[in-house]
PDB file of N, CA and C in Angstrom:
ATOM      1  N   ASP A   1     117.349  71.100 110.398  1.00  0.00           N
ATOM      2  CA  ASP A   1     118.439  71.971 111.235  1.00  0.00           C
ATOM      3  C   ASP A   1     119.832  71.423 111.231  1.00  0.00           C
ATOM      4  N   GLU A   2     120.907  71.682 112.007  1.00  0.00           N
ATOM      5  CA  GLU A   2     122.065  71.046 111.891  1.00  0.00           C
ATOM      6  C   GLU A   2     121.898  69.572 112.474  1.00  0.00           C
ATOM      7  N   GLU A   3     121.155  69.300 113.051  1.00  0.00           N
ATOM      8  CA  GLU A   3     120.882  67.869 113.456  1.00  0.00           C
ATOM      9  C   GLU A   3     120.026  67.130 112.325  1.00  0.00           C
ATOM     10  N   ARG A   4     119.806  67.511 111.358  1.00  0.00           N
ATOM     11  CA  ARG A   4     119.201  66.888 110.231  1.00  0.00           C
ATOM     12  C   ARG A   4     117.724  66.814 110.600  1.00  0.00           C
ATOM     13  N   TYR A   5     117.016  67.428 111.444  1.00  0.00           N
ATOM     14  CA  TYR A   5     115.567  67.269 111.735  1.00  0.00           C
ATOM     15  C   TYR A   5     114.864  68.343 110.779  1.00  0.00           C
ATOM     16  N   LEU A   6     113.769  67.847 110.297  1.00  0.00           N
ATOM     17  CA  LEU A   6     112.957  68.684 109.435  1.00  0.00           C
ATOM     18  C   LEU A   6     111.626  68.964 110.375  1.00  0.00           C
ATOM     19  N   TYR A   7     111.551  70.267 110.149  1.00  0.00           N
ATOM     20  CA  TYR A   7     110.061  70.790 110.762  1.00  0.00           C
ATOM     21  C   TYR A   7     109.350  71.404 109.840  1.00  0.00           C
ATOM     22  N   VAL A   8     107.948  71.238 110.014  1.00  0.00           N
ATOM     23  CA  VAL A   8     107.049  71.530 109.237  1.00  0.00           C
ATOM     24  C   VAL A   8     106.376  72.905 109.774  1.00  0.00           C
ATOM     25  N   VAL A   9     106.298  73.818 108.891  1.00  0.00           N
ATOM     26  CA  VAL A   9     106.222  75.226 109.578  1.00  0.00           C
ATOM     27  C   VAL A   9     104.592  75.491 109.402  1.00  0.00           C
ATOM     28  N   ASP A  10     104.222  75.113 107.847  1.00  0.00           N
ATOM     29  CA  ASP A  10     102.838  75.457 107.257  1.00  0.00           C
ATOM     30  C   ASP A  10     102.515  74.474 106.422  1.00  0.00           C
ATOM     31  N   ARG A  11     101.367  74.534 105.818  1.00  0.00           N
ATOM     32  CA  ARG A  11     100.903  73.843 104.670  1.00  0.00           C
ATOM     33  C   ARG A  11     101.394  74.558 103.382  1.00  0.00           C
ATOM     34  N   LYS A  12     101.965  73.808 102.476  1.00  0.00           N
ATOM     35  CA  LYS A  12     102.262  74.406 101.057  1.00  0.00           C
ATOM     36  C   LYS A  12     101.143  75.251 100.550  1.00  0.00           C
ATOM     37  N   LYS A  13     100.061  74.887 100.379  1.00  0.00           N
ATOM     38  CA  LYS A  13      99.051  75.542  99.969  1.00  0.00           C
ATOM     39  C   LYS A  13      98.718  76.777 100.825  1.00  0.00           C
ATOM     40  N   ASP A  14      99.155  77.145 102.017  1.00  0.00           N
ATOM     41  CA  ASP A  14      98.854  78.055 102.652  1.00  0.00           C
ATOM     42  C   ASP A  14     100.194  78.969 102.639  1.00  0.00           C
ATOM     43  N   MET A  15     101.102  78.632 101.786  1.00  0.00           N
ATOM     44  CA  MET A  15     102.626  79.484 101.601  1.00  0.00           C
ATOM     45  C   MET A  15     102.089  80.853 100.943  1.00  0.00           C
ATOM     46  N   ILE A  16     102.477  82.047 101.137  1.00  0.00           N
ATOM     47  CA  ILE A  16     102.121  82.980 100.245  1.00  0.00           C
ATOM     48  C   ILE A  16     103.760  83.399  99.656  1.00  0.00           C
ATOM     49  N   ILE A  17     103.834  83.567  98.296  1.00  0.00           N
ATOM     50  CA  ILE A  17     104.991  83.922  97.564  1.00  0.00           C
ATOM     51  C   ILE A  17     104.681  85.546  97.106  1.00  0.00           C
ATOM     52  N   SER A  18     105.572  86.359  97.689  1.00  0.00           N
ATOM     53  CA  SER A  18     105.249  87.774  97.378  1.00  0.00           C
ATOM     54  C   SER A  18     106.657  88.443  97.185  1.00  0.00           C
ATOM     55  N   GLY A  19     106.988  88.616  95.938  1.00  0.00           N
ATOM     56  CA  GLY A  19     108.350  89.300  95.560  1.00  0.00           C
ATOM     57  C   GLY A  19     109.326  88.346  95.581  1.00  0.00           C
ATOM     58  N   GLY A  20     109.082  86.987  95.433  1.00  0.00           N
ATOM     59  CA  GLY A  20     109.940  85.993  95.722  1.00  0.00           C
ATOM     60  C   GLY A  20     110.271  85.600  97.093  1.00  0.00           C
ATOM     61  N   GLU A  21     109.693  86.015  98.049  1.00  0.00           N
ATOM     62  CA  GLU A  21     109.921  85.804  99.412  1.00  0.00           C
ATOM     63  C   GLU A  21     108.822  84.714  99.787  1.00  0.00           C
ATOM     64  N   ASN A  22     109.031  83.786 100.523  1.00  0.00           N
ATOM     65  CA  ASN A  22     108.056  82.768 101.019  1.00  0.00           C
ATOM     66  C   ASN A  22     107.459  83.069 102.359  1.00  0.00           C
ATOM     67  N   ILE A  23     106.350  83.452 102.680  1.00  0.00           N
ATOM     68  CA  ILE A  23     105.696  83.670 103.885  1.00  0.00           C
ATOM     69  C   ILE A  23     104.582  82.928 104.137  1.00  0.00           C
ATOM     70  N   TYR A  24     104.710  82.495 105.388  1.00  0.00           N
ATOM     71  CA  TYR A  24     104.109  81.290 106.029  1.00  0.00           C
ATOM     72  C   TYR A  24     102.732  82.082 106.724  1.00  0.00           C
ATOM     73  N   ALA A  25     101.764  81.563 106.226  1.00  0.00           N
ATOM     74  CA  ALA A  25     100.442  82.145 106.713  1.00  0.00           C
ATOM     75  C   ALA A  25     100.345  82.089 108.347  1.00  0.00           C
ATOM     76  N   LYS A  26     100.809  80.836 108.635  1.00  0.00           N
ATOM     77  CA  LYS A  26     100.593  80.345 110.253  1.00  0.00           C
ATOM     78  C   LYS A  26     101.354  81.552 111.046  1.00  0.00           C
ATOM     79  N   GLU A  27     102.544  81.863 110.599  1.00  0.00           N
ATOM     80  CA  GLU A  27     103.411  82.769 111.333  1.00  0.00           C
ATOM     81  C   GLU A  27     102.594  84.260 111.466  1.00  0.00           C
ATOM     82  N   VAL A  28     101.909  84.618 110.388  1.00  0.00           N
ATOM     83  CA  VAL A  28     101.255  86.008 110.485  1.00  0.00           C
ATOM     84  C   VAL A  28      99.907  85.676 111.249  1.00  0.00           C
ATOM     85  N   ASP A  29      99.249  84.749 111.210  1.00  0.00           N
ATOM     86  CA  ASP A  29      98.053  84.220 112.020  1.00  0.00           C
ATOM     87  C   ASP A  29      98.682  84.189 113.478  1.00  0.00           C
ATOM     88  N   ASP A  30      99.508  83.450 113.863  1.00  0.00           N
ATOM     89  CA  ASP A  30      99.917  83.434 115.091  1.00  0.00           C
ATOM     90  C   ASP A  30     100.207  85.167 115.768  1.00  0.00           C
ATOM     91  N   THR A  31     101.015  85.834 114.980  1.00  0.00           N
ATOM     92  CA  THR A  31     100.986  87.496 115.244  1.00  0.00           C
ATOM     93  C   THR A  31      99.633  87.786 115.466  1.00  0.00           C
ATOM     94  N   LEU A  32      98.875  87.943 114.761  1.00  0.00           N
ATOM     95  CA  LEU A  32      97.454  88.498 114.762  1.00  0.00           C
ATOM     96  C   LEU A  32      96.933  88.136 116.082  1.00  0.00           C
ATOM     97  N   TYR A  33      96.804  86.764 116.301  1.00  0.00           N
ATOM     98  CA  TYR A  33      96.110  86.338 117.529  1.00  0.00           C
ATOM     99  C   TYR A  33      96.723  86.915 119.005  1.00  0.00           C
ATOM    100  N   THR A  34      97.847  87.479 118.779  1.00  0.00           N
ATOM    101  CA  THR A  34      98.350  88.176 120.012  1.00  0.00           C
ATOM    102  C   THR A  34      97.895  89.562 120.012  1.00  0.00           C
ATOM    103  N   HIS A  35      97.319  90.373 119.174  1.00  0.00           N
ATOM    104  CA  HIS A  35      96.604  91.631 119.014  1.00  0.00           C
ATOM    105  C   HIS A  35      95.578  91.442 120.101  1.00  0.00           C
ATOM    106  N   PRO A  36      95.556  92.430 121.183  1.00  0.00           N
ATOM    107  CA  PRO A  36      94.486  92.385 122.103  1.00  0.00           C
ATOM    108  C   PRO A  36      93.009  92.520 121.563  1.00  0.00           C
ATOM    109  N   ALA A  37      92.881  93.063 120.308  1.00  0.00           N
ATOM    110  CA  ALA A  37      91.324  93.276 119.973  1.00  0.00           C
ATOM    111  C   ALA A  37      91.024  92.003 118.940  1.00  0.00           C
ATOM    112  N   VAL A  38      91.991  91.238 118.614  1.00  0.00           N
ATOM    113  CA  VAL A  38      91.756  89.983 117.471  1.00  0.00           C
ATOM    114  C   VAL A  38      91.167  88.937 118.417  1.00  0.00           C
ATOM    115  N   LEU A  39      89.771  88.436 117.814  1.00  0.00           N
ATOM    116  CA  LEU A  39      89.376  87.121 118.458  1.00  0.00           C
ATOM    117  C   LEU A  39      89.801  86.135 117.287  1.00  0.00           C
ATOM    118  N   GLU A  40      89.623  86.133 116.084  1.00  0.00           N
ATOM    119  CA  GLU A  40      89.961  85.167 115.199  1.00  0.00           C
ATOM    120  C   GLU A  40      90.744  85.941 114.001  1.00  0.00           C
ATOM    121  N   ALA A  41      91.560  85.190 113.360  1.00  0.00           N
ATOM    122  CA  ALA A  41      92.330  85.708 112.045  1.00  0.00           C
ATOM    123  C   ALA A  41      92.586  84.373 111.202  1.00  0.00           C
ATOM    124  N   ALA A  42      92.448  84.963 109.817  1.00  0.00           N
ATOM    125  CA  ALA A  42      93.373  84.276 108.651  1.00  0.00           C
ATOM    126  C   ALA A  42      94.222  84.903 107.900  1.00  0.00           C
ATOM    127  N   THR A  43      95.286  84.472 107.403  1.00  0.00           N
ATOM    128  CA  THR A  43      95.937  85.213 106.707  1.00  0.00           C
ATOM    129  C   THR A  43      96.012  84.480 105.219  1.00  0.00           C
ATOM    130  N   ILE A  44      95.965  85.204 104.213  1.00  0.00           N
ATOM    131  CA  ILE A  44      95.868  84.654 102.794  1.00  0.00           C
ATOM    132  C   ILE A  44      96.584  85.471 101.855  1.00  0.00           C
ATOM    133  N   GLY A  45      97.006  84.676 100.945  1.00  0.00           N
ATOM    134  CA  GLY A  45      97.716  85.820  99.714  1.00  0.00           C
ATOM    135  C   GLY A  45      96.908  85.942  98.487  1.00  0.00           C
ATOM    136  N   VAL A  46      96.915  87.338  98.215  1.00  0.00           N
ATOM    137  CA  VAL A  46      95.807  87.544  97.249  1.00  0.00           C
ATOM    138  C   VAL A  46      96.622  88.005  95.858  1.00  0.00           C
ATOM    139  N   PRO A  47      96.108  88.249  94.836  1.00  0.00           N
ATOM    140  CA  PRO A  47      96.663  88.851  93.846  1.00  0.00           C
ATOM    141  C   PRO A  47      97.392  89.963  93.948  1.00  0.00           C
ATOM    142  N   ASP A  48      98.632  90.177  93.208  1.00  0.00           N
ATOM    143  CA  ASP A  48      99.124  91.454  93.290  1.00  0.00           C
ATOM    144  C   ASP A  48      99.813  91.686  92.131  1.00  0.00           C
ATOM    145  N   LYS A  49      99.569  92.658  91.217  1.00  0.00           N
ATOM    146  CA  LYS A  49     100.403  92.728  89.948  1.00  0.00           C
ATOM    147  C   LYS A  49     101.866  92.991  89.882  1.00  0.00           C
ATOM    148  N   ASP A  50     102.252  93.613  90.952  1.00  0.00           N
ATOM    149  CA  ASP A  50     103.556  93.929  91.332  1.00  0.00           C
ATOM    150  C   ASP A  50     104.509  92.811  91.833  1.00  0.00           C
ATOM    151  N   TRP A  51     103.976  92.193  92.959  1.00  0.00           N
ATOM    152  CA  TRP A  51     104.411  91.188  93.897  1.00  0.00           C
ATOM    153  C   TRP A  51     104.048  89.693  93.597  1.00  0.00           C
ATOM    154  N   GLY A  52     102.907  89.419  92.661  1.00  0.00           N
ATOM    155  CA  GLY A  52     102.568  88.048  92.593  1.00  0.00           C
ATOM    156  C   GLY A  52     101.271  88.003  93.295  1.00  0.00           C
ATOM    157  N   GLU A  53     101.714  87.993  94.723  1.00  0.00           N
ATOM    158  CA  GLU A  53     100.613  87.632  95.728  1.00  0.00           C
ATOM    159  C   GLU A  53     101.093  88.884  96.769  1.00  0.00           C
ATOM    160  N   SER A  54     100.161  89.408  97.531  1.00  0.00           N
ATOM    161  CA  SER A  54     100.390  90.233  98.718  1.00  0.00           C
ATOM    162  C   SER A  54      99.594  89.525  99.974  1.00  0.00           C
ATOM    163  N   VAL A  55      99.925  90.012 101.066  1.00  0.00           N
ATOM    164  CA  VAL A  55      99.412  89.376 102.536  1.00  0.00           C
ATOM    165  C   VAL A  55      98.273  90.044 102.862  1.00  0.00           C
ATOM    166  N   LYS A  56      97.186  89.260 102.925  1.00  0.00           N
ATOM    167  CA  LYS A  56      95.869  89.810 103.410  1.00  0.00           C
ATOM    168  C   LYS A  56      95.507  89.285 104.720  1.00  0.00           C
ATOM    169  N   ALA A  57      95.285  89.777 105.697  1.00  0.00           N
ATOM    170  CA  ALA A  57      94.825  89.548 106.844  1.00  0.00           C
ATOM    171  C   ALA A  57      93.139  89.772 107.144  1.00  0.00           C
ATOM    172  N   VAL A  58      92.671  88.554 107.279  1.00  0.00           N
ATOM    173  CA  VAL A  58      90.817  88.712 107.480  1.00  0.00           C
ATOM    174  C   VAL A  58      90.681  88.374 109.035  1.00  0.00           C
ATOM    175  N   VAL A  59      90.006  89.423 109.732  1.00  0.00           N
ATOM    176  CA  VAL A  59      90.026  89.446 111.165  1.00  0.00           C
ATOM    177  C   VAL A  59      88.751  89.622 111.582  1.00  0.00           C
ATOM    178  N   VAL A  60      88.322  88.762 112.892  1.00  0.00           N
ATOM    179  CA  VAL A  60      87.194  89.123 113.641  1.00  0.00           C
ATOM    180  C   VAL A  60      87.645  89.765 114.936  1.00  0.00           C
ATOM    181  N   LEU A  61      87.024  90.832 115.290  1.00  0.00           N
ATOM    182  CA  LEU A  61      87.388  91.564 116.357  1.00  0.00           C
ATOM    183  C   LEU A  61      86.636  90.877 117.541  1.00  0.00           C
ATOM    184  N   LYS A  62      87.186  91.219 118.685  1.00  0.00           N
ATOM    185  CA  LYS A  62      86.425  90.592 120.066  1.00  0.00           C
ATOM    186  C   LYS A  62      85.269  91.651 120.186  1.00  0.00           C
ATOM    187  N   LYS A  63      84.313  91.137 120.742  1.00  0.00           N
ATOM    188  CA  LYS A  63      83.176  91.920 121.100  1.00  0.00           C
ATOM    189  C   LYS A  63      83.466  93.130 121.875  1.00  0.00           C
ATOM    190  N   GLY A  64      83.028  94.337 121.487  1.00  0.00           N
ATOM    191  CA  GLY A  64      83.387  95.660 122.266  1.00  0.00           C
ATOM    192  C   GLY A  64      84.693  96.245 121.977  1.00  0.00           C
ATOM    193  N   MET A  65      85.627  95.603 121.207  1.00  0.00           N
ATOM    194  CA  MET A  65      86.867  96.067 120.750  1.00  0.00           C
ATOM    195  C   MET A  65      86.883  96.645 119.363  1.00  0.00           C
ATOM    196  N   THR A  66      87.906  97.527 119.203  1.00  0.00           N
ATOM    197  CA  THR A  66      87.805  98.110 118.001  1.00  0.00           C
ATOM    198  C   THR A  66      89.369  98.290 117.700  1.00  0.00           C
ATOM    199  N   ALA A  67      89.648  98.130 116.155  1.00  0.00           N
ATOM    200  CA  ALA A  67      91.011  98.354 115.469  1.00  0.00           C
ATOM    201  C   ALA A  67      90.679  98.750 114.155  1.00  0.00           C
ATOM    202  N   THR A  68      91.799  99.505 113.638  1.00  0.00           N
ATOM    203  CA  THR A  68      91.626 100.103 112.226  1.00  0.00           C
ATOM    204  C   THR A  68      92.610  99.102 111.443  1.00  0.00           C
ATOM    205  N   GLU A  69      92.487  99.077 110.103  1.00  0.00           N
ATOM    206  CA  GLU A  69      93.353  98.301 109.452  1.00  0.00           C
ATOM    207  C   GLU A  69      95.003  98.917 109.655  1.00  0.00           C
ATOM    208  N   GLN A  70      95.034 100.184 109.762  1.00  0.00           N
ATOM    209  CA  GLN A  70      96.322 100.715 109.951  1.00  0.00           C
ATOM    210  C   GLN A  70      96.952 100.110 111.315  1.00  0.00           C
ATOM    211  N   GLU A  71      96.185 100.037 112.280  1.00  0.00           N
ATOM    212  CA  GLU A  71      96.758  99.668 113.568  1.00  0.00           C
ATOM    213  C   GLU A  71      96.884  98.049 113.362  1.00  0.00           C
ATOM    214  N   ILE A  72      96.484  97.285 112.823  1.00  0.00           N
ATOM    215  CA  ILE A  72      96.546  95.790 112.778  1.00  0.00           C
ATOM    216  C   ILE A  72      98.215  95.710 111.757  1.00  0.00           C
ATOM    217  N   ILE A  73      98.128  96.546 110.727  1.00  0.00           N
ATOM    218  CA  ILE A  73      99.276  96.415 109.883  1.00  0.00           C
ATOM    219  C   ILE A  73     100.599  97.009 110.872  1.00  0.00           C
ATOM    220  N   ASP A  74     100.450  97.818 111.705  1.00  0.00           N
ATOM    221  CA  ASP A  74     101.353  98.381 112.599  1.00  0.00           C
ATOM    222  C   ASP A  74     101.940  97.600 113.554  1.00  0.00           C
ATOM    223  N   PHE A  75     100.870  96.753 113.897  1.00  0.00           N
ATOM    224  CA  PHE A  75     101.137  95.868 115.085  1.00  0.00           C
ATOM    225  C   PHE A  75     101.853  94.578 114.513  1.00  0.00           C
ATOM    226  N   CYS A  76     101.387  94.166 113.464  1.00  0.00           N
ATOM    227  CA  CYS A  76     102.322  93.156 112.660  1.00  0.00           C
ATOM    228  C   CYS A  76     103.800  93.580 112.270  1.00  0.00           C
ATOM    229  N   LYS A  77     103.684  94.884 111.655  1.00  0.00           N
ATOM    230  CA  LYS A  77     104.904  95.479 111.394  1.00  0.00           C
ATOM    231  C   LYS A  77     106.090  95.259 112.492  1.00  0.00           C
ATOM    232  N   LYS A  78     105.735  95.619 113.696  1.00  0.00           N
ATOM    233  CA  LYS A  78     106.435  95.496 115.028  1.00  0.00           C
ATOM    234  C   LYS A  78     107.081  94.275 115.363  1.00  0.00           C
ATOM    235  N   ASN A  79     106.206  93.140 114.927  1.00  0.00           N
ATOM    236  CA  ASN A  79     106.321  91.746 115.383  1.00  0.00           C
ATOM    237  C   ASN A  79     106.888  90.755 114.401  1.00  0.00           C
ATOM    238  N   LEU A  80     106.844  91.408 113.089  1.00  0.00           N
ATOM    239  CA  LEU A  80     107.218  90.396 111.946  1.00  0.00           C
ATOM    240  C   LEU A  80     108.152  90.970 111.097  1.00  0.00           C
ATOM    241  N   ALA A  81     108.906  90.719 110.299  1.00  0.00           N
ATOM    242  CA  ALA A  81     109.794  91.206 109.129  1.00  0.00           C
ATOM    243  C   ALA A  81     108.826  92.013 108.220  1.00  0.00           C
ATOM    244  N   SER A  82     109.196  93.199 107.793  1.00  0.00           N
ATOM    245  CA  SER A  82     108.313  94.053 106.926  1.00  0.00           C
ATOM    246  C   SER A  82     107.721  93.255 105.868  1.00  0.00           C
ATOM    247  N   TYR A  83     108.421  92.422 105.133  1.00  0.00           N
ATOM    248  CA  TYR A  83     107.751  91.816 103.960  1.00  0.00           C
ATOM    249  C   TYR A  83     106.720  90.920 104.385  1.00  0.00           C
ATOM    250  N   LYS A  84     106.473  90.279 105.727  1.00  0.00           N
ATOM    251  CA  LYS A  84     105.551  89.586 106.206  1.00  0.00           C
ATOM    252  C   LYS A  84     104.185  90.294 106.569  1.00  0.00           C
ATOM    253  N   LYS A  85     104.515  91.480 106.824  1.00  0.00           N
ATOM    254  CA  LYS A  85     103.020  91.997 107.408  1.00  0.00           C
ATOM    255  C   LYS A  85     101.895  92.243 106.433  1.00  0.00           C
ATOM    256  N   PRO A  86     100.758  92.124 106.655  1.00  0.00           N
ATOM    257  CA  PRO A  86      99.682  92.270 105.980  1.00  0.00           C
ATOM    258  C   PRO A  86      99.698  93.561 105.134  1.00  0.00           C
ATOM    259  N   ARG A  87      99.206  93.488 103.717  1.00  0.00           N
ATOM    260  CA  ARG A  87      99.401  94.722 102.984  1.00  0.00           C
ATOM    261  C   ARG A  87      97.759  95.403 103.103  1.00  0.00           C
ATOM    262  N   SER A  88      96.910  94.495 103.600  1.00  0.00           N
ATOM    263  CA  SER A  88      95.536  94.855 103.581  1.00  0.00           C
ATOM    264  C   SER A  88      94.767  94.107 104.507  1.00  0.00           C
ATOM    265  N   VAL A  89      93.822  94.448 105.271  1.00  0.00           N
ATOM    266  CA  VAL A  89      92.968  94.028 106.268  1.00  0.00           C
ATOM    267  C   VAL A  89      91.473  93.947 106.090  1.00  0.00           C
ATOM    268  N   ASP A  90      90.813  92.843 106.032  1.00  0.00           N
ATOM    269  CA  ASP A  90      89.396  92.932 105.858  1.00  0.00           C
ATOM    270  C   ASP A  90      88.978  92.355 107.435  1.00  0.00           C
ATOM    271  N   PHE A  91      87.918  93.241 107.791  1.00  0.00           N
ATOM    272  CA  PHE A  91      87.367  92.897 109.294  1.00  0.00           C
ATOM    273  C   PHE A  91      85.838  92.052 108.823  1.00  0.00           C
ATOM    274  N   VAL A  92      85.726  90.966 109.507  1.00  0.00           N
ATOM    275  CA  VAL A  92      84.395  90.408 108.879  1.00  0.00           C
ATOM    276  C   VAL A  92      83.703  90.001 110.309  1.00  0.00           C
ATOM    277  N   ASP A  93      82.470  89.786 110.350  1.00  0.00           N
ATOM    278  CA  ASP A  93      81.779  89.252 111.538  1.00  0.00           C
ATOM    279  C   ASP A  93      81.991  87.818 111.845  1.00  0.00           C
ATOM    280  N   GLU A  94      82.440  87.173 110.972  1.00  0.00           N
ATOM    281  CA  GLU A  94      82.807  85.632 111.123  1.00  0.00           C
ATOM    282  C   GLU A  94      83.631  85.122 110.019  1.00  0.00           C
ATOM    283  N   LEU A  95      84.311  83.848 110.344  1.00  0.00           N
ATOM    284  CA  LEU A  95      85.251  83.310 109.304  1.00  0.00           C
ATOM    285  C   LEU A  95      84.517  82.106 108.873  1.00  0.00           C
ATOM    286  N   PRO A  96      84.552  81.755 107.557  1.00  0.00           N
ATOM    287  CA  PRO A  96      83.897  80.454 107.361  1.00  0.00           C
ATOM    288  C   PRO A  96      84.760  79.280 107.834  1.00  0.00           C
ATOM    289  N   LYS A  97      84.045  78.302 108.379  1.00  0.00           N
ATOM    290  CA  LYS A  97      84.559  77.149 109.106  1.00  0.00           C
ATOM    291  C   LYS A  97      83.893  75.789 108.934  1.00  0.00           C
ATOM    292  N   THR A  98      84.755  74.777 108.851  1.00  0.00           N
ATOM    293  CA  THR A  98      84.167  73.476 108.958  1.00  0.00           C
ATOM    294  C   THR A  98      83.277  73.145 110.189  1.00  0.00           C
ATOM    295  N   ALA A  99      82.672  71.921 109.931  1.00  0.00           N
ATOM    296  CA  ALA A  99      81.823  71.655 111.244  1.00  0.00           C
ATOM    297  C   ALA A  99      82.768  71.541 112.443  1.00  0.00           C
ATOM    298  N   SER A 100      83.846  71.128 112.399  1.00  0.00           N
ATOM    299  CA  SER A 100      84.602  70.939 113.521  1.00  0.00           C
ATOM    300  C   SER A 100      85.487  72.175 114.025  1.00  0.00           C
ATOM    301  N   GLY A 101      85.015  73.422 113.363  1.00  0.00           N
ATOM    302  CA  GLY A 101      85.720  74.555 113.670  1.00  0.00           C
ATOM    303  C   GLY A 101      87.029  74.836 112.920  1.00  0.00           C
ATOM    304  N   LYS A 102      87.436  74.349 111.866  1.00  0.00           N
ATOM    305  CA  LYS A 102      88.629  74.763 111.248  1.00  0.00           C
ATOM    306  C   LYS A 102      88.281  75.785 110.299  1.00  0.00           C
ATOM    307  N   ILE A 103      89.141  76.847 110.204  1.00  0.00           N
ATOM    308  CA  ILE A 103      89.079  77.877 109.322  1.00  0.00           C
ATOM    309  C   ILE A 103      89.191  77.561 107.744  1.00  0.00           C
ATOM    310  N   LEU A 104      88.301  77.686 106.977  1.00  0.00           N
ATOM    311  CA  LEU A 104      88.386  77.423 105.558  1.00  0.00           C
ATOM    312  C   LEU A 104      89.019  78.380 104.871  1.00  0.00           C
ATOM    313  N   LYS A 105      90.309  78.415 104.773  1.00  0.00           N
ATOM    314  CA  LYS A 105      90.912  79.638 104.037  1.00  0.00           C
ATOM    315  C   LYS A 105      90.729  79.512 102.477  1.00  0.00           C
ATOM    316  N   ARG A 106      90.437  78.224 102.117  1.00  0.00           N
ATOM    317  CA  ARG A 106      90.248  78.372 100.557  1.00  0.00           C
ATOM    318  C   ARG A 106      89.064  78.980 100.071  1.00  0.00           C
ATOM    319  N   GLU A 107      88.060  79.160 101.043  1.00  0.00           N
ATOM    320  CA  GLU A 107      86.946  79.657 100.812  1.00  0.00           C
ATOM    321  C   GLU A 107      87.164  81.392 100.805  1.00  0.00           C
ATOM    322  N   LEU A 108      88.015  81.695 101.823  1.00  0.00           N
ATOM    323  CA  LEU A 108      88.512  83.087 101.761  1.00  0.00           C
ATOM    324  C   LEU A 108      89.361  83.383 100.416  1.00  0.00           C
ATOM    325  N   ARG A 109      90.166  82.488 100.128  1.00  0.00           N
ATOM    326  CA  ARG A 109      91.094  82.800  98.831  1.00  0.00           C
ATOM    327  C   ARG A 109      90.257  83.000  97.597  1.00  0.00           C
ATOM    328  N   ASP A 110      89.158  82.169  97.380  1.00  0.00           N
ATOM    329  CA  ASP A 110      88.662  81.976  96.422  1.00  0.00           C
ATOM    330  C   ASP A 110      87.960  83.401  95.794  1.00  0.00           C
ATOM    331  N   LYS A 111      87.555  84.025  96.970  1.00  0.00           N
ATOM    332  CA  LYS A 111      86.824  85.462  96.912  1.00  0.00           C
ATOM    333  C   LYS A 111      87.725  86.255  95.923  1.00  0.00           C
ATOM    334  N   TYR A 112      88.977  86.178  96.524  1.00  0.00           N
ATOM    335  CA  TYR A 112      89.916  87.094  95.846  1.00  0.00           C
ATOM    336  C   TYR A 112      90.678  86.729  94.534  1.00  0.00           C
ATOM    337  N   TRP A 113      90.734  85.395  94.443  1.00  0.00           N
ATOM    338  CA  TRP A 113      91.285  84.920  93.354  1.00  0.00           C
ATOM    339  C   TRP A 113      90.379  84.778  91.941  1.00  0.00           C
ATOM    340  N   GLU A 114      89.161  84.913  92.206  1.00  0.00           N
ATOM    341  CA  GLU A 114      88.161  84.867  90.776  1.00  0.00           C
ATOM    342  C   GLU A 114      88.813  86.033  89.770  1.00  0.00           C
ATOM    343  N   GLY A 115      89.053  85.314  88.581  1.00  0.00           N
ATOM    344  CA  GLY A 115      89.531  86.548  87.682  1.00  0.00           C
ATOM    345  C   GLY A 115      90.945  86.842  87.920  1.00  0.00           C
ATOM    346  N   GLY A 116      91.656  86.194  88.929  1.00  0.00           N
ATOM    347  CA  GLY A 116      92.975  86.677  89.200  1.00  0.00           C
ATOM    348  C   GLY A 116      93.951  86.054  88.378  1.00  0.00           C
ATOM    349  N   TYR A 117      95.209  86.133  88.748  1.00  0.00           N
ATOM    350  CA  TYR A 117      96.414  85.467  88.052  1.00  0.00           C
ATOM    351  C   TYR A 117      96.573  84.274  87.958  1.00  0.00           C
ATOM    352  N   LYS A 118      96.295  83.494  89.310  1.00  0.00           N
ATOM    353  CA  LYS A 118      96.137  82.038  89.233  1.00  0.00           C
ATOM    354  C   LYS A 118      95.194  81.509  90.089  1.00  0.00           C
ATOM    355  N   LYS A 119      95.003  80.254  90.073  1.00  0.00           N
ATOM    356  CA  LYS A 119      93.994  79.507  91.071  1.00  0.00           C
ATOM    357  C   LYS A 119      94.749  79.049  92.325  1.00  0.00           C
ATOM    358  N   PRO A 120      94.500  79.241  93.612  1.00  0.00           N
ATOM    359  CA  PRO A 120      95.378  78.277  94.605  1.00  0.00           C
ATOM    360  C   PRO A 120      95.286  76.977  94.404  1.00  0.00           C
ATOM    361  N   ASN A 121      96.140  76.111  95.045  1.00  0.00           N
ATOM    362  CA  ASN A 121      95.981  74.684  95.110  1.00  0.00           C
ATOM    363  C   ASN A 121      95.074  74.165  95.728  1.00  0.00           C
ATOM    364  N   PRO A 122      94.292  73.215  95.568  1.00  0.00           N
ATOM    365  CA  PRO A 122      93.220  72.602  96.341  1.00  0.00           C
ATOM    366  C   PRO A 122      93.621  72.164  97.488  1.00  0.00           C
TER     367      PRO A 122
END
């Protein structure tokens, strides 16, 4: 900033580069967690032939709650710059986690990058 402070926004390996724009997965995750139906969420970059990567949200819904892919995308569009909104949403029963409860984004990414355009950084 103007006072020469450096702020860490997200891990480099979690940054999504779509059409030359840097998108920080944490910012999208934080927005997803404010949706009333979302229990857990993880944002990842997936291969996109036109943009290099596109934003995908992987979401666990709260018990008894419902939401559609379009509802989640529209919610994000209202709360984020348009280029940061997920282009697609997968709904899952649970997210892969470490023993301490940290979401394993690499496991999520690996599913989509098999045979893709690049392998994500370890």
